[in-house]
Amino acid sequence: MIRNALYSWSSQALDGVQGGANGVVMLRDGTMRGGNSFFYYVGSYGCFAEGRWKGEATIREHSPAPATMPMAGGVNHIGFTGTYTDEDAEFEATALVGKRSLRYHVSLRVLIAD
């Protein structure tokens, strides 16, 4: 199971799309809660054999984001799959943004473990 901890995260848009962000996320017993300067997100995840995990999250604005940010102005949903160790994790995510589908690579690093 992935460690219950507070993680820092960094995301980068893929497929030539400009975008990405940094923030923090708390992973605890299959739930995900986090955010950054403009967005907060809640979700769930499951862990599998050989350090693999997958999940989903809903992303919402808490403060108006610049219109140039791909996820600005709406409620967005992501699904992800990736790998984890005791100190970090990563995943590839697909975000449904309006009628568009955007891919991101996300890296997480443990800040404070339970």
C-alpha atoms as a PDB file:
ATOM      1  CA  MET A   1       0.000   0.000   0.000  1.00  0.00           C
ATOM      2  CA  ILE A   2       1.197   3.512  -0.759  1.00  0.00           C
ATOM      3  CA  ARG A   3       2.269   5.404   2.372  1.00  0.00           C
ATOM      4  CA  ASN A   4      -0.238   7.573   4.187  1.00  0.00           C
ATOM      5  CA  ALA A   5       1.551  10.912   3.969  1.00  0.00           C
ATOM      6  CA  LEU A   6       1.582  14.517   2.903  1.00  0.00           C
ATOM      7  CA  TYR A   7       3.210  14.705  -0.543  1.00  0.00           C
ATOM      8  CA  SER A   8       4.456  17.532  -2.720  1.00  0.00           C
ATOM      9  CA  TRP A   9       3.415  17.106  -6.326  1.00  0.00           C
ATOM     10  CA  SER A  10       4.457  18.489  -9.661  1.00  0.00           C
ATOM     11  CA  SER A  11       2.514  18.037 -12.896  1.00  0.00           C
ATOM     12  CA  GLN A  12       3.441  18.634 -16.505  1.00  0.00           C
ATOM     13  CA  ALA A  13       1.043  18.621 -19.460  1.00  0.00           C
ATOM     14  CA  LEU A  14       1.917  16.230 -22.270  1.00  0.00           C
ATOM     15  CA  ASP A  15       1.246  16.093 -26.019  1.00  0.00           C
ATOM     16  CA  GLY A  16       2.497  19.629 -26.700  1.00  0.00           C
ATOM     17  CA  VAL A  17      -0.022  21.335 -24.391  1.00  0.00           C
ATOM     18  CA  GLN A  18       1.401  24.117 -22.223  1.00  0.00           C
ATOM     19  CA  GLY A  19       0.562  23.658 -18.562  1.00  0.00           C
ATOM     20  CA  GLY A  20       1.334  22.071 -15.272  1.00  0.00           C
ATOM     21  CA  ALA A  21       1.366  23.025 -11.634  1.00  0.00           C
ATOM     22  CA  ASN A  22       2.817  22.301  -8.209  1.00  0.00           C
ATOM     23  CA  GLY A  23       1.015  21.724  -4.922  1.00  0.00           C
ATOM     24  CA  VAL A  24       0.478  19.357  -2.022  1.00  0.00           C
ATOM     25  CA  VAL A  25      -1.704  16.290  -1.578  1.00  0.00           C
ATOM     26  CA  MET A  26      -2.590  14.117   1.405  1.00  0.00           C
ATOM     27  CA  LEU A  27      -2.955  10.408   0.611  1.00  0.00           C
ATOM     28  CA  ARG A  28      -4.662   8.474   3.391  1.00  0.00           C
ATOM     29  CA  ASP A  29      -6.310   5.049   3.332  1.00  0.00           C
ATOM     30  CA  GLY A  30      -7.507   5.287  -0.261  1.00  0.00           C
ATOM     31  CA  THR A  31      -8.510   8.966  -0.209  1.00  0.00           C
ATOM     32  CA  MET A  32      -6.799  11.924  -1.829  1.00  0.00           C
ATOM     33  CA  ARG A  33      -7.154  15.583  -0.776  1.00  0.00           C
ATOM     34  CA  GLY A  34      -5.003  18.448  -1.993  1.00  0.00           C
ATOM     35  CA  GLY A  35      -4.600  21.642  -3.905  1.00  0.00           C
ATOM     36  CA  ASN A  36      -2.514  24.559  -5.078  1.00  0.00           C
ATOM     37  CA  SER A  37      -2.932  28.302  -5.614  1.00  0.00           C
ATOM     38  CA  PHE A  38      -6.090  27.987  -7.731  1.00  0.00           C
ATOM     39  CA  PHE A  39      -7.492  24.468  -7.474  1.00  0.00           C
ATOM     40  CA  TYR A  40      -8.421  21.863  -4.902  1.00  0.00           C
ATOM     41  CA  TYR A  41      -9.108  18.243  -5.583  1.00  0.00           C
ATOM     42  CA  VAL A  42     -10.623  15.222  -3.909  1.00  0.00           C
ATOM     43  CA  GLY A  43     -10.372  11.647  -5.057  1.00  0.00           C
ATOM     44  CA  SER A  44      -9.771   8.022  -4.315  1.00  0.00           C
ATOM     45  CA  TYR A  45      -7.182   5.417  -5.246  1.00  0.00           C
ATOM     46  CA  GLY A  46      -6.349   1.748  -4.926  1.00  0.00           C
ATOM     47  CA  CYS A  47      -3.009  -0.069  -4.768  1.00  0.00           C
ATOM     48  CA  PHE A  48      -2.051  -3.291  -6.516  1.00  0.00           C
ATOM     49  CA  ALA A  49       0.832  -5.740  -6.772  1.00  0.00           C
ATOM     50  CA  GLU A  50       4.337  -4.634  -7.685  1.00  0.00           C
ATOM     51  CA  GLY A  51       3.964  -0.999  -6.565  1.00  0.00           C
ATOM     52  CA  ARG A  52       1.188  -0.043  -8.948  1.00  0.00           C
ATOM     53  CA  TRP A  53      -1.768   2.210  -8.171  1.00  0.00           C
ATOM     54  CA  LYS A  54      -4.676   3.867  -9.933  1.00  0.00           C
ATOM     55  CA  GLY A  55      -7.463   6.256  -9.056  1.00  0.00           C
ATOM     56  CA  GLU A  56      -9.612   9.217  -9.933  1.00  0.00           C
ATOM     57  CA  ALA A  57     -10.134  12.767  -8.717  1.00  0.00           C
ATOM     58  CA  THR A  58     -12.353  15.799  -9.242  1.00  0.00           C
ATOM     59  CA  ILE A  59     -10.630  19.181  -9.597  1.00  0.00           C
ATOM     60  CA  ARG A  60     -12.383  22.472  -8.818  1.00  0.00           C
ATOM     61  CA  GLU A  61     -11.292  26.116  -8.606  1.00  0.00           C
ATOM     62  CA  HIS A  62     -11.233  27.776  -5.184  1.00  0.00           C
ATOM     63  CA  SER A  63      -9.871  31.041  -6.646  1.00  0.00           C
ATOM     64  CA  PRO A  64     -10.227  32.285 -10.224  1.00  0.00           C
ATOM     65  CA  ALA A  65      -7.429  30.768 -12.322  1.00  0.00           C
ATOM     66  CA  PRO A  66      -5.913  32.587 -15.304  1.00  0.00           C
ATOM     67  CA  ALA A  67      -7.836  31.804 -18.493  1.00  0.00           C
ATOM     68  CA  THR A  68      -4.595  30.496 -20.015  1.00  0.00           C
ATOM     69  CA  MET A  69      -4.622  27.513 -17.624  1.00  0.00           C
ATOM     70  CA  PRO A  70      -6.228  24.501 -19.356  1.00  0.00           C
ATOM     71  CA  MET A  71      -8.403  23.600 -16.332  1.00  0.00           C
ATOM     72  CA  ALA A  72      -9.612  27.148 -15.601  1.00  0.00           C
ATOM     73  CA  GLY A  73     -13.306  27.852 -15.365  1.00  0.00           C
ATOM     74  CA  GLY A  74     -14.847  24.483 -14.714  1.00  0.00           C
ATOM     75  CA  VAL A  75     -15.068  21.221 -12.847  1.00  0.00           C
ATOM     76  CA  ASN A  76     -12.640  18.666 -14.235  1.00  0.00           C
ATOM     77  CA  HIS A  77     -12.240  14.938 -13.693  1.00  0.00           C
ATOM     78  CA  ILE A  78      -9.079  12.874 -13.986  1.00  0.00           C
ATOM     79  CA  GLY A  79      -8.287   9.191 -14.035  1.00  0.00           C
ATOM     80  CA  PHE A  80      -4.746   7.985 -13.421  1.00  0.00           C
ATOM     81  CA  THR A  81      -2.461   4.979 -13.192  1.00  0.00           C
ATOM     82  CA  GLY A  82       1.140   4.788 -12.044  1.00  0.00           C
ATOM     83  CA  THR A  83       3.750   3.407  -9.668  1.00  0.00           C
ATOM     84  CA  TYR A  84       4.932   4.105  -6.123  1.00  0.00           C
ATOM     85  CA  THR A  85       7.746   3.397  -3.645  1.00  0.00           C
ATOM     86  CA  ASP A  86       8.116   4.250   0.055  1.00  0.00           C
ATOM     87  CA  GLU A  87       9.393   7.751  -0.778  1.00  0.00           C
ATOM     88  CA  ASP A  88       7.676   8.822  -3.980  1.00  0.00           C
ATOM     89  CA  ALA A  89       5.064   8.063  -6.595  1.00  0.00           C
ATOM     90  CA  GLU A  90       4.199   9.023 -10.131  1.00  0.00           C
ATOM     91  CA  PHE A  91       1.329   8.624 -12.518  1.00  0.00           C
ATOM     92  CA  GLU A  92       0.011   9.451 -15.958  1.00  0.00           C
ATOM     93  CA  ALA A  93      -3.389  11.143 -15.833  1.00  0.00           C
ATOM     94  CA  THR A  94      -6.068  11.860 -18.380  1.00  0.00           C
ATOM     95  CA  ALA A  95      -8.124  14.947 -17.575  1.00  0.00           C
ATOM     96  CA  LEU A  96     -11.549  15.549 -19.071  1.00  0.00           C
ATOM     97  CA  VAL A  97     -11.630  19.307 -19.613  1.00  0.00           C
ATOM     98  CA  GLY A  98     -14.892  20.277 -21.232  1.00  0.00           C
ATOM     99  CA  LYS A  99     -14.920  18.277 -24.458  1.00  0.00           C
ATOM    100  CA  ARG A 100     -11.128  17.918 -24.493  1.00  0.00           C
ATOM    101  CA  SER A 101      -9.017  15.132 -23.094  1.00  0.00           C
ATOM    102  CA  LEU A 102      -5.604  16.250 -21.769  1.00  0.00           C
ATOM    103  CA  ARG A 103      -2.759  14.055 -20.530  1.00  0.00           C
ATOM    104  CA  TYR A 104      -0.436  14.904 -17.636  1.00  0.00           C
ATOM    105  CA  HIS A 105       2.585  13.351 -15.953  1.00  0.00           C
ATOM    106  CA  VAL A 106       2.543  13.828 -12.163  1.00  0.00           C
ATOM    107  CA  SER A 107       5.397  13.220  -9.686  1.00  0.00           C
ATOM    108  CA  LEU A 108       4.835  13.006  -5.917  1.00  0.00           C
ATOM    109  CA  ARG A 109       7.420  13.100  -3.107  1.00  0.00           C
ATOM    110  CA  VAL A 110       6.790  12.306   0.562  1.00  0.00           C
ATOM    111  CA  LEU A 111       7.054  15.383   2.804  1.00  0.00           C
ATOM    112  CA  ILE A 112       5.680  14.022   6.091  1.00  0.00           C
ATOM    113  CA  ALA A 113       4.659  10.395   6.584  1.00  0.00           C
ATOM    114  CA  ASP A 114       2.066   9.284   9.133  1.00  0.00           C
END
